Amino acid sequence: MQERKYEPGQHVVYVDSHGVPREALVTMWWSAAPDQIQTYGVPGCNVVFVSGNEAKNDGYGRQTEHSTSVVHRSKQPAPGNYWRWPDESD
């Protein structure tokens, strides 16, 4: 298994509430200390991603959106609102 780094700026895939995967960057990890990972498993995070809404354009391009307290796919029974590593499949 690949070693994972729980640092801000990590590239992840955020699967939105409609089940659409979006490339994202982590802005904050929750409970990412090694002892907490050992106790509670993969941590949650906050992410930023490019909006999927084509109407959300401005002078800088497509706007960004944020999602907070996003759990890993292993902890989410619903088909969306989770994050996964890019090398993990849905």
Protein backbone atom coordinates (compact mmCIF):
# COMPACT_ATOMS: atom_id res chain seq x y z
CA MET A 1 0.00 0.00 0.00
CA GLN A 2 1.20 3.48 -0.86
CA GLU A 3 2.20 5.70 2.06
CA ARG A 4 -0.30 8.52 2.49
CA LYS A 5 0.56 12.04 3.56
CA TYR A 6 -2.14 13.93 5.37
CA GLU A 7 -1.00 17.46 4.57
CA PRO A 8 -2.92 20.45 3.23
CA GLY A 9 -2.63 20.68 -0.54
CA GLN A 10 -2.89 16.92 -1.13
CA HIS A 11 -4.67 15.93 -4.33
CA VAL A 12 -7.81 13.83 -3.73
CA VAL A 13 -10.98 13.03 -5.64
CA TYR A 14 -14.13 14.52 -4.13
CA VAL A 15 -17.35 12.75 -5.14
CA ASP A 16 -20.13 15.32 -4.90
CA SER A 17 -23.72 14.82 -3.75
CA HIS A 18 -24.72 13.78 -7.29
CA GLY A 19 -22.03 11.07 -7.41
CA VAL A 20 -19.83 13.05 -9.81
CA PRO A 21 -16.08 12.74 -9.12
CA ARG A 22 -14.19 16.05 -9.06
CA GLU A 23 -10.47 16.70 -8.74
CA ALA A 24 -9.91 18.46 -5.41
CA LEU A 25 -7.26 19.78 -3.05
CA VAL A 26 -7.40 19.30 0.70
CA THR A 27 -7.45 22.54 2.68
CA MET A 28 -7.57 20.88 6.12
CA TRP A 29 -7.42 17.37 7.57
CA TRP A 30 -9.47 16.33 10.60
CA SER A 31 -7.93 13.90 13.12
CA ALA A 32 -4.86 13.22 10.99
CA ALA A 33 -2.36 12.68 13.82
CA PRO A 34 -0.83 9.17 13.58
CA ASP A 35 -2.34 8.03 16.89
CA GLN A 36 -5.79 9.27 15.81
CA ILE A 37 -5.53 7.50 12.44
CA GLN A 38 -4.61 4.29 14.23
CA THR A 39 -7.62 4.67 16.55
CA TYR A 40 -10.27 6.12 14.20
CA GLY A 41 -9.05 5.20 10.70
CA VAL A 42 -8.80 7.44 7.66
CA PRO A 43 -9.48 11.08 8.58
CA GLY A 44 -12.02 13.47 7.15
CA CYS A 45 -11.06 16.70 5.42
CA ASN A 46 -12.16 19.97 3.89
CA VAL A 47 -11.70 20.29 0.12
CA VAL A 48 -11.77 22.91 -2.63
CA PHE A 49 -12.68 22.01 -6.22
CA VAL A 50 -13.70 23.61 -9.51
CA SER A 51 -17.47 24.05 -9.73
CA GLY A 52 -19.35 21.68 -12.00
CA ASN A 53 -21.95 24.36 -12.65
CA GLU A 54 -21.15 25.88 -16.05
CA ALA A 55 -23.01 29.07 -15.08
CA LYS A 56 -20.47 29.74 -12.32
CA ASN A 57 -17.94 31.58 -14.45
CA ASP A 58 -16.35 34.94 -13.80
CA GLY A 59 -13.35 36.91 -15.04
CA TYR A 60 -11.00 34.37 -13.48
CA GLY A 61 -12.65 31.32 -15.08
CA ARG A 62 -14.81 28.69 -13.46
CA GLN A 63 -15.42 29.45 -9.78
CA THR A 64 -14.27 27.19 -6.99
CA GLU A 65 -16.42 25.57 -4.35
CA HIS A 66 -15.66 24.16 -0.91
CA SER A 67 -16.97 21.17 0.96
CA THR A 68 -16.28 20.67 4.65
CA SER A 69 -16.08 17.68 6.99
CA VAL A 70 -15.92 15.25 4.07
CA VAL A 71 -15.44 11.61 5.11
CA HIS A 72 -13.41 8.98 3.27
CA ARG A 73 -15.37 6.67 0.95
CA SER A 74 -14.81 3.77 3.37
CA LYS A 75 -16.94 5.61 5.94
CA GLN A 76 -19.72 6.80 3.65
CA PRO A 77 -22.62 4.46 2.83
CA ALA A 78 -24.23 7.05 0.53
CA PRO A 79 -23.20 7.27 -3.16
CA GLY A 80 -21.70 10.75 -2.78
CA ASN A 81 -20.26 13.41 -0.46
CA TYR A 82 -16.97 11.63 0.20
CA TRP A 83 -13.33 11.82 -0.77
CA ARG A 84 -10.94 9.14 -2.03
CA TRP A 85 -7.30 8.99 -3.10
CA PRO A 86 -6.77 9.29 -6.89
CA ASP A 87 -5.51 5.67 -7.06
CA GLU A 88 -8.63 4.31 -5.33
CA SER A 89 -11.64 3.30 -7.42
CA ASP A 90 -15.25 4.14 -6.63
